Amino acid sequence: MIDLHYWTTPNGHKITMFLEETGLPYKIFPVNIGKGEQFKAEFLAISPNNRIPAMIDHDPKGGGAPVAVFESGAMLVYLGEKTGKFLPASGAARYDVMQWLFWQMGGLGPMSGQNNHFKNYALDKLQYAIDRYLKEVNRLYGVMDRRLAGREFLAGDYSIADMASYPWVVPWERQGQNIDDFTNLKRWLKTIEARPATQRAYAKAKEINPNQGGIRTEEERRILFGQTAASVAAAADAAR
């Protein structure tokens, strides 16, 4: 059994997509990041960066004590190696998947996050920052579109690289992009959306957080955007 500490964000969706694809038994432990639940001691014990998702595998490959993993990319690699699915075991095919996974972790995700922040959440509308990240996300969509020309998925067969990237492209409209400008990317998006496992993963998100979307209160804004080392320590103390 896998204990999945999860909230309904793109990084959270990556893991439920994988688990639904493979049928691994798992239990979701919601971590409402808008309420500061990421600062609870039991969560920080497995995710010291106070970010979702994180997990504990009570049945690790080869046996032994439970294994805790945080960071969504590391979790996907762990699960791919545990199951032998969606991540080739060796050779060029493995590195092809890994490079596109790292591309998402270092580029598509962070740049999309900054774009969303400055475009939709920042109280001071800094046009330079808005333009900077809007254009960078557009560039990254172009990278994906060219990569997907003549191939169904990012790295050969459907893989953890696709699962990592898909949730960050789903909100293309909120990202200020026109998906019709990226023919190959649009086709890829629809292909993954149609997978039963994807549909089950996103259905779980609606069950857990039916009113998801947006920062609604100043308290949520403070919790999510005002963190420093001192404030995190204080929040962790308060959550004990």
Protein backbone atom coordinates (compact mmCIF):
# COMPACT_ATOMS: atom_id res chain seq x y z
CA MET A 1 0.00 0.00 0.00
CA ILE A 2 1.16 3.51 -0.82
CA ASP A 3 0.17 6.46 1.36
CA LEU A 4 -0.08 9.40 -1.02
CA HIS A 5 0.00 12.85 0.55
CA TYR A 6 -1.67 14.88 -2.13
CA TRP A 7 -3.43 18.03 -3.15
CA THR A 8 -5.13 18.91 -6.41
CA THR A 9 -2.26 20.64 -8.20
CA PRO A 10 -0.39 19.68 -11.39
CA ASN A 11 2.36 18.02 -9.38
CA GLY A 12 -0.21 16.05 -7.43
CA HIS A 13 -1.97 14.90 -10.59
CA LYS A 14 1.25 13.37 -11.93
CA ILE A 15 1.25 10.74 -9.21
CA THR A 16 -2.42 9.83 -9.28
CA MET A 17 -2.11 9.43 -13.06
CA PHE A 18 0.71 6.93 -12.59
CA LEU A 19 -1.02 5.04 -9.80
CA GLU A 20 -4.23 4.78 -11.77
CA GLU A 21 -2.35 3.53 -14.83
CA THR A 22 -0.65 0.74 -12.90
CA GLY A 23 -3.35 -0.21 -10.42
CA LEU A 24 -0.99 0.00 -7.46
CA PRO A 25 -2.99 0.09 -4.22
CA TYR A 26 -2.86 3.52 -2.63
CA LYS A 27 -4.65 5.70 -0.13
CA ILE A 28 -4.88 9.46 -0.47
CA PHE A 29 -4.16 11.67 2.50
CA PRO A 30 -5.32 15.16 1.45
CA VAL A 31 -2.99 18.03 2.33
CA ASN A 32 -4.94 21.27 1.94
CA ILE A 33 -2.14 23.69 1.14
CA GLY A 34 -4.49 26.69 1.34
CA LYS A 35 -5.09 25.89 5.01
CA GLY A 36 -1.43 25.31 5.85
CA GLU A 37 -1.68 21.56 6.35
CA GLN A 38 1.71 21.17 4.64
CA PHE A 39 3.31 22.41 7.86
CA LYS A 40 2.07 19.58 10.05
CA ALA A 41 4.85 17.55 11.62
CA GLU A 42 3.74 14.25 10.08
CA PHE A 43 3.88 15.75 6.61
CA LEU A 44 7.20 17.53 7.12
CA ALA A 45 8.67 14.20 8.25
CA ILE A 46 8.32 12.89 4.70
CA SER A 47 8.38 16.20 2.78
CA PRO A 48 10.87 18.55 4.44
CA ASN A 49 10.37 21.11 1.64
CA ASN A 50 6.70 21.43 2.78
CA ARG A 51 5.44 20.82 -0.75
CA ILE A 52 3.07 18.20 -2.12
CA PRO A 53 3.09 15.48 -3.24
CA ALA A 54 4.92 13.02 -1.04
CA MET A 55 4.41 9.34 -0.32
CA ILE A 56 5.28 6.39 1.85
CA ASP A 57 5.55 2.99 0.18
CA HIS A 58 4.79 0.30 2.72
CA ASP A 59 5.66 -2.46 0.25
CA PRO A 60 8.92 -1.38 -1.41
CA LYS A 61 10.51 -3.40 -4.15
CA GLY A 62 12.71 -6.05 -2.55
CA GLY A 63 10.97 -5.75 0.81
CA GLY A 64 12.27 -4.02 3.89
CA ALA A 65 11.17 -0.95 5.80
CA PRO A 66 8.72 1.55 4.31
CA VAL A 67 10.25 4.09 1.92
CA ALA A 68 9.32 7.78 1.98
CA VAL A 69 9.79 9.89 -1.14
CA PHE A 70 9.07 13.55 -1.88
CA GLU A 71 9.43 15.61 -5.10
CA SER A 72 7.11 14.53 -7.90
CA GLY A 73 9.87 13.71 -10.38
CA ALA A 74 11.69 11.51 -7.89
CA MET A 75 8.38 9.84 -7.04
CA LEU A 76 7.70 9.04 -10.70
CA VAL A 77 11.17 7.52 -11.11
CA TYR A 78 10.69 5.50 -7.92
CA LEU A 79 7.32 4.20 -9.06
CA GLY A 80 8.60 3.46 -12.56
CA GLU A 81 11.43 1.39 -11.13
CA LYS A 82 9.15 -0.31 -8.61
CA THR A 83 6.67 -1.45 -11.26
CA GLY A 84 8.89 -1.74 -14.32
CA LYS A 85 6.34 0.39 -16.19
CA PHE A 86 6.51 3.73 -18.01
CA LEU A 87 10.28 4.00 -17.51
CA PRO A 88 12.67 1.83 -19.53
CA ALA A 89 15.11 -0.11 -17.36
CA SER A 90 18.28 0.90 -19.21
CA GLY A 91 19.87 2.25 -22.33
CA ALA A 92 19.07 5.16 -24.61
CA ALA A 93 15.32 4.75 -24.15
CA ARG A 94 15.65 5.31 -20.40
CA TYR A 95 17.71 8.48 -20.85
CA ASP A 96 15.24 9.77 -23.40
CA VAL A 97 12.47 9.54 -20.82
CA MET A 98 14.67 10.98 -18.09
CA GLN A 99 15.74 14.02 -20.08
CA TRP A 100 12.14 14.96 -20.82
CA LEU A 101 11.18 14.38 -17.21
CA PHE A 102 13.98 16.69 -16.10
CA TRP A 103 12.93 19.18 -18.78
CA GLN A 104 9.50 19.36 -17.19
CA MET A 105 10.83 19.57 -13.65
CA GLY A 106 13.34 22.30 -14.47
CA GLY A 107 11.44 24.19 -17.15
CA LEU A 108 7.80 23.64 -17.99
CA GLY A 109 6.62 23.37 -14.38
CA PRO A 110 8.54 26.27 -12.82
CA MET A 111 7.98 28.62 -15.75
CA SER A 112 4.27 27.82 -15.86
CA GLY A 113 4.07 28.40 -12.14
CA GLN A 114 5.71 31.81 -12.41
CA ASN A 115 3.53 32.70 -15.37
CA ASN A 116 0.41 31.80 -13.41
CA HIS A 117 1.61 33.74 -10.38
CA PHE A 118 2.47 37.02 -12.08
CA LYS A 119 -0.47 36.87 -14.49
CA ASN A 120 -3.19 35.79 -12.08
CA TYR A 121 -2.09 36.23 -8.46
CA ALA A 122 0.41 39.07 -8.10
CA LEU A 123 -1.22 42.17 -6.63
CA ASP A 124 1.30 44.41 -8.37
CA LYS A 125 0.93 43.78 -12.11
CA LEU A 126 4.54 43.94 -13.29
CA GLN A 127 4.31 43.94 -17.06
CA TYR A 128 7.92 42.85 -17.50
CA ALA A 129 7.37 39.75 -15.35
CA ILE A 130 4.03 38.98 -17.01
CA ASP A 131 5.56 39.21 -20.49
CA ARG A 132 8.71 37.33 -19.49
CA TYR A 133 6.94 34.21 -18.26
CA LEU A 134 4.11 34.31 -20.78
CA LYS A 135 6.66 34.22 -23.60
CA GLU A 136 8.75 31.54 -21.92
CA VAL A 137 5.76 29.23 -21.53
CA ASN A 138 4.95 29.90 -25.18
CA ARG A 139 8.50 28.93 -26.11
CA LEU A 140 8.27 25.73 -24.07
CA TYR A 141 4.99 24.79 -25.74
CA GLY A 142 6.82 25.24 -29.03
CA VAL A 143 9.58 22.90 -27.85
CA MET A 144 6.98 20.25 -27.05
CA ASP A 145 5.13 20.80 -30.30
CA ARG A 146 8.28 20.26 -32.36
CA ARG A 147 9.23 17.22 -30.31
CA LEU A 148 5.81 15.66 -30.89
CA ALA A 149 5.94 16.09 -34.64
CA GLY A 150 5.86 12.56 -36.05
CA ARG A 151 5.69 10.86 -32.63
CA GLU A 152 2.79 10.09 -30.33
CA PHE A 153 4.52 10.79 -27.04
CA LEU A 154 7.56 12.68 -25.77
CA ALA A 155 9.92 9.73 -25.50
CA GLY A 156 8.70 6.78 -27.54
CA ASP A 157 5.95 4.95 -25.66
CA TYR A 158 3.74 6.66 -23.09
CA SER A 159 5.96 7.34 -20.08
CA ILE A 160 6.46 9.24 -16.87
CA ALA A 161 7.71 12.15 -18.99
CA ASP A 162 4.23 12.52 -20.47
CA MET A 163 2.57 12.13 -17.07
CA ALA A 164 4.82 14.84 -15.67
CA SER A 165 4.11 17.33 -18.46
CA TYR A 166 0.42 16.76 -19.11
CA PRO A 167 -0.99 18.42 -15.95
CA TRP A 168 1.02 21.56 -16.69
CA VAL A 169 -0.45 21.88 -20.19
CA VAL A 170 -4.07 21.18 -19.20
CA PRO A 171 -4.55 24.80 -18.00
CA TRP A 172 -3.22 26.25 -21.28
CA GLU A 173 -5.97 28.87 -21.40
CA ARG A 174 -5.16 30.12 -17.90
CA GLN A 175 -1.53 30.23 -19.03
CA GLY A 176 -2.51 32.71 -21.74
CA GLN A 177 -1.72 30.31 -24.58
CA ASN A 178 -3.67 29.33 -27.69
CA ILE A 179 -3.51 25.55 -27.99
CA ASP A 180 -4.57 25.78 -31.63
CA ASP A 181 -1.16 27.29 -32.37
CA PHE A 182 0.42 23.94 -31.40
CA THR A 183 -1.13 21.21 -33.52
CA ASN A 184 1.01 18.34 -32.26
CA LEU A 185 0.73 19.39 -28.65
CA LYS A 186 -3.05 19.66 -28.92
CA ARG A 187 -3.26 16.14 -30.34
CA TRP A 188 -1.01 14.81 -27.55
CA LEU A 189 -3.13 16.56 -24.94
CA LYS A 190 -6.34 14.99 -26.25
CA THR A 191 -4.72 11.54 -26.47
CA ILE A 192 -3.70 11.58 -22.80
CA GLU A 193 -6.98 13.15 -21.70
CA ALA A 194 -8.84 10.21 -23.26
CA ARG A 195 -6.93 7.59 -21.26
CA PRO A 196 -9.19 5.98 -18.63
CA ALA A 197 -6.49 6.31 -15.98
CA THR A 198 -6.22 10.06 -16.60
CA GLN A 199 -9.96 10.42 -16.28
CA ARG A 200 -9.98 8.46 -13.02
CA ALA A 201 -7.13 10.55 -11.61
CA TYR A 202 -8.86 13.83 -12.36
CA ALA A 203 -12.17 12.50 -11.04
CA LYS A 204 -10.45 11.83 -7.71
CA ALA A 205 -9.26 15.43 -7.66
CA LYS A 206 -12.84 16.67 -7.99
CA GLU A 207 -13.95 14.39 -5.17
CA ILE A 208 -11.22 15.64 -2.84
CA ASN A 209 -11.42 19.32 -3.75
CA PRO A 210 -14.69 20.04 -5.57
CA ASN A 211 -14.20 23.81 -5.38
CA GLN A 212 -10.62 23.84 -6.60
CA GLY A 213 -9.21 26.81 -8.44
CA GLY A 214 -7.69 30.10 -7.42
CA ILE A 215 -6.59 31.83 -4.25
CA ARG A 216 -9.71 33.16 -2.55
CA THR A 217 -8.59 34.75 0.71
CA GLU A 218 -5.77 36.85 2.09
CA GLU A 219 -5.00 34.02 4.52
CA GLU A 220 -4.45 31.61 1.62
CA ARG A 221 -2.25 34.20 -0.07
CA ARG A 222 -0.17 34.62 3.07
CA ILE A 223 0.23 30.87 3.52
CA LEU A 224 1.15 30.15 -0.08
CA PHE A 225 3.15 33.22 -1.08
CA GLY A 226 4.60 34.66 2.11
CA GLN A 227 6.87 31.86 3.24
CA THR A 228 10.31 32.46 4.70
CA ALA A 229 12.48 30.18 6.82
CA ALA A 230 11.14 31.86 9.94
CA SER A 231 7.49 31.75 8.90
CA VAL A 232 7.71 28.07 7.95
CA ALA A 233 9.25 27.26 11.34
CA ALA A 234 6.50 29.22 13.07
CA ALA A 235 3.79 27.51 11.05
CA ALA A 236 5.28 24.11 11.84
CA ASP A 237 5.32 24.93 15.55
CA ALA A 238 1.70 26.06 15.40
CA ALA A 239 0.66 22.89 13.57
CA ARG A 240 2.09 20.61 16.25
